[in-house]
C-alpha atoms as a PDB file:
ATOM      1  CA  MET A   1     197.263  -6.584-185.604  1.00  0.00           C
ATOM      2  CA  LYS A   2     200.008  -4.172-186.573  1.00  0.00           C
ATOM      3  CA  GLU A   3     202.233  -3.289-183.637  1.00  0.00           C
ATOM      4  CA  PHE A   4     201.670   0.199-182.278  1.00  0.00           C
ATOM      5  CA  ASP A   5     204.491   2.654-182.962  1.00  0.00           C
ATOM      6  CA  MET A   6     205.350   4.529-179.747  1.00  0.00           C
ATOM      7  CA  ALA A   7     206.463   7.487-181.872  1.00  0.00           C
ATOM      8  CA  GLN A   8     202.747   8.106-182.443  1.00  0.00           C
ATOM      9  CA  LYS A   9     202.011   8.431-178.703  1.00  0.00           C
ATOM     10  CA  SER A  10     200.702  11.885-177.911  1.00  0.00           C
ATOM     11  CA  ASN A  11     200.681  13.719-174.609  1.00  0.00           C
ATOM     12  CA  ARG A  12     196.896  14.015-174.664  1.00  0.00           C
ATOM     13  CA  VAL A  13     195.002  12.139-171.975  1.00  0.00           C
ATOM     14  CA  ARG A  14     191.220  11.824-172.303  1.00  0.00           C
ATOM     15  CA  THR A  15     188.893  10.694-169.549  1.00  0.00           C
ATOM     16  CA  MET A  16     185.977   8.561-170.669  1.00  0.00           C
ATOM     17  CA  ARG A  17     183.047   7.483-168.539  1.00  0.00           C
ATOM     18  CA  ILE A  18     182.303   3.795-168.989  1.00  0.00           C
ATOM     19  CA  TYR A  19     179.432   1.692-167.650  1.00  0.00           C
ATOM     20  CA  ARG A  20     180.677  -0.581-164.854  1.00  0.00           C
ATOM     21  CA  ARG A  21     179.935  -3.807-166.775  1.00  0.00           C
ATOM     22  CA  PHE A  22     182.110  -2.625-169.683  1.00  0.00           C
ATOM     23  CA  TYR A  23     184.789  -1.199-167.399  1.00  0.00           C
ATOM     24  CA  ASN A  24     185.143  -4.605-165.739  1.00  0.00           C
ATOM     25  CA  MET A  25     185.745  -6.215-169.141  1.00  0.00           C
ATOM     26  CA  ILE A  26     188.368  -3.554-169.982  1.00  0.00           C
ATOM     27  CA  GLU A  27     190.069  -4.088-166.631  1.00  0.00           C
ATOM     28  CA  ARG A  28     190.263  -7.862-167.317  1.00  0.00           C
ATOM     29  CA  ASP A  29     191.634  -7.169-170.847  1.00  0.00           C
ATOM     30  CA  GLU A  30     188.582  -8.817-172.410  1.00  0.00           C
ATOM     31  CA  LYS A  31     187.364  -5.656-174.151  1.00  0.00           C
ATOM     32  CA  ARG A  32     189.679  -3.901-176.588  1.00  0.00           C
ATOM     33  CA  ILE A  33     187.187  -1.760-178.550  1.00  0.00           C
ATOM     34  CA  GLU A  34     184.960   1.023-177.217  1.00  0.00           C
ATOM     35  CA  VAL A  35     181.964   2.185-179.300  1.00  0.00           C
ATOM     36  CA  ARG A  36     180.794   5.813-179.136  1.00  0.00           C
ATOM     37  CA  VAL A  37     178.571   8.253-180.972  1.00  0.00           C
ATOM     38  CA  ALA A  38     180.669  10.673-183.055  1.00  0.00           C
ATOM     39  CA  TYR A  39     180.162  13.735-180.861  1.00  0.00           C
ATOM     40  CA  PRO A  40     182.611  16.561-181.696  1.00  0.00           C
ATOM     41  CA  SER A  41     184.652  15.812-178.554  1.00  0.00           C
ATOM     42  CA  MET A  42     184.967  12.162-179.591  1.00  0.00           C
ATOM     43  CA  ARG A  43     186.031  13.062-183.141  1.00  0.00           C
ATOM     44  CA  ASN A  44     189.165  14.687-181.730  1.00  0.00           C
ATOM     45  CA  ILE A  45     190.526  11.433-180.291  1.00  0.00           C
ATOM     46  CA  ARG A  46     193.371  10.021-182.367  1.00  0.00           C
ATOM     47  CA  ALA A  47     195.590   6.955-182.333  1.00  0.00           C
ATOM     48  CA  GLY A  48     198.304   7.673-179.796  1.00  0.00           C
ATOM     49  CA  ASP A  49     196.002   9.427-177.307  1.00  0.00           C
ATOM     50  CA  VAL A  50     195.677   7.900-173.855  1.00  0.00           C
ATOM     51  CA  ILE A  51     192.167   7.128-172.648  1.00  0.00           C
ATOM     52  CA  ASN A  52     191.773   7.111-168.885  1.00  0.00           C
ATOM     53  CA  VAL A  53     188.912   4.929-167.713  1.00  0.00           C
ATOM     54  CA  SER A  54     190.610   4.435-164.315  1.00  0.00           C
ATOM     55  CA  CYS A  55     192.837   1.931-166.103  1.00  0.00           C
ATOM     56  CA  ASP A  56     194.834   3.783-168.777  1.00  0.00           C
ATOM     57  CA  ARG A  57     194.563   2.574-172.356  1.00  0.00           C
ATOM     58  CA  ILE A  58     196.286   3.890-175.459  1.00  0.00           C
ATOM     59  CA  VAL A  59     194.251   4.310-178.638  1.00  0.00           C
ATOM     60  CA  THR A  60     195.775   2.269-181.459  1.00  0.00           C
ATOM     61  CA  ARG A  61     193.026   2.751-184.055  1.00  0.00           C
ATOM     62  CA  VAL A  62     190.013   4.976-184.651  1.00  0.00           C
ATOM     63  CA  ALA A  63     187.334   3.992-187.174  1.00  0.00           C
ATOM     64  CA  SER A  64     184.203   5.842-188.261  1.00  0.00           C
ATOM     65  CA  TYR A  65     180.920   4.339-189.423  1.00  0.00           C
ATOM     66  CA  ALA A  66     177.550   5.665-190.547  1.00  0.00           C
ATOM     67  CA  THR A  67     175.545   3.213-188.431  1.00  0.00           C
ATOM     68  CA  PHE A  68     175.930   0.735-185.589  1.00  0.00           C
ATOM     69  CA  LYS A  69     175.011  -2.088-188.000  1.00  0.00           C
ATOM     70  CA  GLU A  70     177.798  -1.087-190.403  1.00  0.00           C
ATOM     71  CA  MET A  71     180.195  -0.964-187.461  1.00  0.00           C
ATOM     72  CA  MET A  72     179.134  -4.364-186.151  1.00  0.00           C
ATOM     73  CA  ASP A  73     179.469  -5.882-189.647  1.00  0.00           C
ATOM     74  CA  SER A  74     183.052  -4.566-189.862  1.00  0.00           C
ATOM     75  CA  GLU A  75     184.451  -4.978-186.356  1.00  0.00           C
ATOM     76  CA  ASP A  76     185.328  -8.102-184.387  1.00  0.00           C
ATOM     77  CA  PRO A  77     182.461  -8.329-181.866  1.00  0.00           C
ATOM     78  CA  THR A  78     184.610 -10.316-179.427  1.00  0.00           C
ATOM     79  CA  LYS A  79     186.776  -7.211-178.950  1.00  0.00           C
ATOM     80  CA  ILE A  80     183.717  -5.141-178.062  1.00  0.00           C
ATOM     81  CA  ASN A  81     182.067  -7.640-175.699  1.00  0.00           C
ATOM     82  CA  PRO A  82     183.350 -11.212-175.629  1.00  0.00           C
ATOM     83  CA  HIS A  83     180.300 -12.381-173.674  1.00  0.00           C
ATOM     84  CA  LYS A  84     177.581 -11.501-176.188  1.00  0.00           C
ATOM     85  CA  SER A  85     176.837 -12.221-179.842  1.00  0.00           C
ATOM     86  CA  ALA A  86     177.004  -9.435-182.426  1.00  0.00           C
ATOM     87  CA  VAL A  87     173.177  -9.359-182.547  1.00  0.00           C
ATOM     88  CA  GLU A  88     172.916  -9.032-178.760  1.00  0.00           C
ATOM     89  CA  GLN A  89     175.551  -6.296-178.764  1.00  0.00           C
ATOM     90  CA  LEU A  90     173.774  -4.361-181.494  1.00  0.00           C
ATOM     91  CA  ASP A  91     170.560  -4.469-179.451  1.00  0.00           C
ATOM     92  CA  GLU A  92     172.413  -3.338-176.332  1.00  0.00           C
ATOM     93  CA  ILE A  93     174.181  -0.480-178.139  1.00  0.00           C
ATOM     94  CA  ARG A  94     170.858   0.718-179.533  1.00  0.00           C
ATOM     95  CA  GLN A  95     169.398   0.706-176.020  1.00  0.00           C
ATOM     96  CA  ILE A  96     172.254   2.948-174.872  1.00  0.00           C
ATOM     97  CA  PHE A  97     172.237   5.260-177.916  1.00  0.00           C
ATOM     98  CA  PRO A  98     168.818   6.118-179.439  1.00  0.00           C
ATOM     99  CA  PRO A  99     168.385   6.580-183.247  1.00  0.00           C
ATOM    100  CA  HIS A 100     168.883  10.363-183.168  1.00  0.00           C
ATOM    101  CA  LYS A 101     172.307   9.821-181.583  1.00  0.00           C
ATOM    102  CA  GLU A 102     173.233   7.089-184.088  1.00  0.00           C
ATOM    103  CA  ARG A 103     172.547   9.567-186.921  1.00  0.00           C
ATOM    104  CA  ILE A 104     175.441  11.705-185.595  1.00  0.00           C
ATOM    105  CA  GLY A 105     177.770   8.882-186.643  1.00  0.00           C
ATOM    106  CA  VAL A 106     179.564   6.032-184.922  1.00  0.00           C
ATOM    107  CA  LEU A 107     183.170   5.847-183.770  1.00  0.00           C
ATOM    108  CA  VAL A 108     185.170   2.938-182.430  1.00  0.00           C
ATOM    109  CA  PHE A 109     188.384   3.256-180.487  1.00  0.00           C
ATOM    110  CA  GLU A 110     190.639   0.228-180.393  1.00  0.00           C
ATOM    111  CA  PHE A 111     193.101   0.315-177.533  1.00  0.00           C
ATOM    112  CA  LEU A 112     195.764  -1.529-175.590  1.00  0.00           C
ATOM    113  CA  PRO A 113     196.719  -1.300-171.942  1.00  0.00           C
ATOM    114  CA  LEU A 114     199.259   1.514-171.669  1.00  0.00           C
ATOM    115  CA  ARG A 115     201.654  -0.811-169.842  1.00  0.00           C
ATOM    116  CA  GLU A 116     201.901  -2.970-173.011  1.00  0.00           C
ATOM    117  CA  VAL A 117     203.333  -0.110-175.065  1.00  0.00           C
ATOM    118  CA  GLN A 118     205.623   1.315-172.362  1.00  0.00           C
ATOM    119  CA  ARG A 119     207.997  -1.632-172.430  1.00  0.00           C
END
């Protein structure tokens, strides 16, 4: 992965609510990608923004997809959930976000622990 340029870091800090099981993976540095529906508030997040999930992460990449399937076909599933297959993850994501939410669009935020870019 391309190294993140600290010049891109913004002063914006966003708080994101995360299910406990996913938060635990983020805290252990097992999960580096968060998947969200493309709500207007989510569309404003850019690389360089800090995401606070009680353990600060800096967004290094934002990608947009039409569907969860397209996203799962393009992203590394081990960065989303290293404990489940892509098929299992797709099922789980669809349980969290029903079809009418998926039609809004899909965003992924790739991130690093903030401490890794503050060196």
